Amino acid sequence: YMPSTADSGSSGHGFIFDYYWGTELYPRIGGVDVKKFINCRFSMTFWMLAGISFSWRSYMMHGYVDPAIVLCALSQFVYLFKFFIW
């Protein structure tokens, strides 16, 4: 395999080991930064959707949204807003 940037190294244990342990800081496939794509688009978006769905489920089960879930969801949304804007 060929690293896409000069900030990489090889452990000598093979491609799978090096890929798993992240010997390349900013891997790119076809010009797309893989770590940023996985972290930002999948993980953070799921986190936001999970907070909304947990709040909705609490409302459906109890008839109101528990204040602890509101606080948790708001703190997550503030963090995610900062994450996506900065």
C-alpha atoms as a PDB file:
ATOM      1  CA  TYR A   1       0.000   0.000   0.000  1.00  0.00           C
ATOM      2  CA  MET A   2       1.009   3.605  -0.414  1.00  0.00           C
ATOM      3  CA  PRO A   3       0.360   6.303   2.209  1.00  0.00           C
ATOM      4  CA  SER A   4      -1.314   9.387   0.795  1.00  0.00           C
ATOM      5  CA  THR A   5       0.729  11.909   2.802  1.00  0.00           C
ATOM      6  CA  ALA A   6       4.278  12.314   4.070  1.00  0.00           C
ATOM      7  CA  ASP A   7       3.244  12.167   7.755  1.00  0.00           C
ATOM      8  CA  SER A   8       3.022   8.386   7.753  1.00  0.00           C
ATOM      9  CA  GLY A   9       5.146   5.544   8.974  1.00  0.00           C
ATOM     10  CA  SER A  10       5.134   1.784   8.828  1.00  0.00           C
ATOM     11  CA  SER A  11       5.332  -0.561  11.785  1.00  0.00           C
ATOM     12  CA  GLY A  12       6.327  -3.565   9.706  1.00  0.00           C
ATOM     13  CA  HIS A  13       3.299  -5.569  10.882  1.00  0.00           C
ATOM     14  CA  GLY A  14       1.261  -5.174   7.689  1.00  0.00           C
ATOM     15  CA  PHE A  15      -1.390  -2.970   6.179  1.00  0.00           C
ATOM     16  CA  ILE A  16      -4.261  -3.931   8.517  1.00  0.00           C
ATOM     17  CA  PHE A  17      -2.212  -3.284  11.662  1.00  0.00           C
ATOM     18  CA  ASP A  18      -0.912   0.043  10.363  1.00  0.00           C
ATOM     19  CA  TYR A  19      -4.386   1.136   9.239  1.00  0.00           C
ATOM     20  CA  TYR A  20      -5.974   0.175  12.564  1.00  0.00           C
ATOM     21  CA  TRP A  21      -3.340   1.896  14.669  1.00  0.00           C
ATOM     22  CA  GLY A  22      -3.371   5.003  12.478  1.00  0.00           C
ATOM     23  CA  THR A  23       0.205   5.302  11.319  1.00  0.00           C
ATOM     24  CA  GLU A  24      -0.998   7.902   8.842  1.00  0.00           C
ATOM     25  CA  LEU A  25      -2.376  11.051  10.459  1.00  0.00           C
ATOM     26  CA  TYR A  26      -4.596  12.237   7.608  1.00  0.00           C
ATOM     27  CA  PRO A  27      -5.431   9.321   5.295  1.00  0.00           C
ATOM     28  CA  ARG A  28      -7.081  10.276   2.030  1.00  0.00           C
ATOM     29  CA  ILE A  29      -8.953   8.169  -0.452  1.00  0.00           C
ATOM     30  CA  GLY A  30      -9.732   9.950  -3.705  1.00  0.00           C
ATOM     31  CA  GLY A  31      -9.039  13.336  -2.135  1.00  0.00           C
ATOM     32  CA  VAL A  32     -11.448  12.750   0.793  1.00  0.00           C
ATOM     33  CA  ASP A  33     -10.009  12.964   4.314  1.00  0.00           C
ATOM     34  CA  VAL A  34     -11.174   9.605   5.734  1.00  0.00           C
ATOM     35  CA  LYS A  35     -10.851  10.443   9.449  1.00  0.00           C
ATOM     36  CA  LYS A  36     -12.712  13.727   9.119  1.00  0.00           C
ATOM     37  CA  PHE A  37     -15.455  12.115   7.030  1.00  0.00           C
ATOM     38  CA  ILE A  38     -16.002   9.254   9.486  1.00  0.00           C
ATOM     39  CA  ASN A  39     -15.754  11.419  12.606  1.00  0.00           C
ATOM     40  CA  CYS A  40     -17.801  14.389  11.432  1.00  0.00           C
ATOM     41  CA  ARG A  41     -20.399  13.006   9.118  1.00  0.00           C
ATOM     42  CA  PHE A  42     -21.290   9.704  10.739  1.00  0.00           C
ATOM     43  CA  SER A  43     -20.421   9.909  14.425  1.00  0.00           C
ATOM     44  CA  MET A  44     -21.420  13.467  15.221  1.00  0.00           C
ATOM     45  CA  THR A  45     -24.566  13.372  13.080  1.00  0.00           C
ATOM     46  CA  PHE A  46     -25.661  10.129  14.757  1.00  0.00           C
ATOM     47  CA  TRP A  47     -25.015  11.671  18.169  1.00  0.00           C
ATOM     48  CA  MET A  48     -27.318  14.572  17.322  1.00  0.00           C
ATOM     49  CA  LEU A  49     -30.048  12.274  15.959  1.00  0.00           C
ATOM     50  CA  ALA A  50     -29.750  10.012  19.003  1.00  0.00           C
ATOM     51  CA  GLY A  51     -30.341  12.960  21.343  1.00  0.00           C
ATOM     52  CA  ILE A  52     -33.452  13.973  19.410  1.00  0.00           C
ATOM     53  CA  SER A  53     -34.804  10.421  19.279  1.00  0.00           C
ATOM     54  CA  PHE A  54     -34.186   9.796  23.012  1.00  0.00           C
ATOM     55  CA  SER A  55     -36.008  13.030  23.847  1.00  0.00           C
ATOM     56  CA  TRP A  56     -38.909  12.061  21.600  1.00  0.00           C
ATOM     57  CA  ARG A  57     -39.115   8.574  23.119  1.00  0.00           C
ATOM     58  CA  SER A  58     -39.159  10.048  26.623  1.00  0.00           C
ATOM     59  CA  TYR A  59     -42.012  12.307  25.591  1.00  0.00           C
ATOM     60  CA  MET A  60     -43.946   9.409  24.053  1.00  0.00           C
ATOM     61  CA  MET A  61     -43.477   7.194  27.125  1.00  0.00           C
ATOM     62  CA  HIS A  62     -44.118   9.732  29.888  1.00  0.00           C
ATOM     63  CA  GLY A  63     -46.059  12.542  28.234  1.00  0.00           C
ATOM     64  CA  TYR A  64     -43.266  14.991  28.972  1.00  0.00           C
ATOM     65  CA  VAL A  65     -39.543  15.226  28.379  1.00  0.00           C
ATOM     66  CA  ASP A  66     -37.507  14.562  31.486  1.00  0.00           C
ATOM     67  CA  PRO A  67     -35.453  17.628  32.539  1.00  0.00           C
ATOM     68  CA  ALA A  68     -32.283  15.527  32.704  1.00  0.00           C
ATOM     69  CA  ILE A  69     -32.710  14.540  29.044  1.00  0.00           C
ATOM     70  CA  VAL A  70     -33.314  18.172  28.113  1.00  0.00           C
ATOM     71  CA  LEU A  71     -30.119  19.241  29.870  1.00  0.00           C
ATOM     72  CA  CYS A  72     -28.156  16.395  28.283  1.00  0.00           C
ATOM     73  CA  ALA A  73     -29.548  17.093  24.805  1.00  0.00           C
ATOM     74  CA  LEU A  74     -28.926  20.841  25.080  1.00  0.00           C
ATOM     75  CA  SER A  75     -25.342  20.372  26.226  1.00  0.00           C
ATOM     76  CA  GLN A  76     -24.732  17.941  23.358  1.00  0.00           C
ATOM     77  CA  PHE A  77     -26.268  20.332  20.837  1.00  0.00           C
ATOM     78  CA  VAL A  78     -24.133  23.224  22.093  1.00  0.00           C
ATOM     79  CA  TYR A  79     -21.044  21.021  21.752  1.00  0.00           C
ATOM     80  CA  LEU A  80     -22.058  19.848  18.285  1.00  0.00           C
ATOM     81  CA  PHE A  81     -22.885  23.378  17.153  1.00  0.00           C
ATOM     82  CA  LYS A  82     -19.408  24.438  18.202  1.00  0.00           C
ATOM     83  CA  PHE A  83     -17.910  21.357  16.550  1.00  0.00           C
ATOM     84  CA  PHE A  84     -19.552  21.930  13.169  1.00  0.00           C
ATOM     85  CA  ILE A  85     -19.170  25.748  13.114  1.00  0.00           C
ATOM     86  CA  TRP A  86     -15.548  25.925  14.217  1.00  0.00           C
END
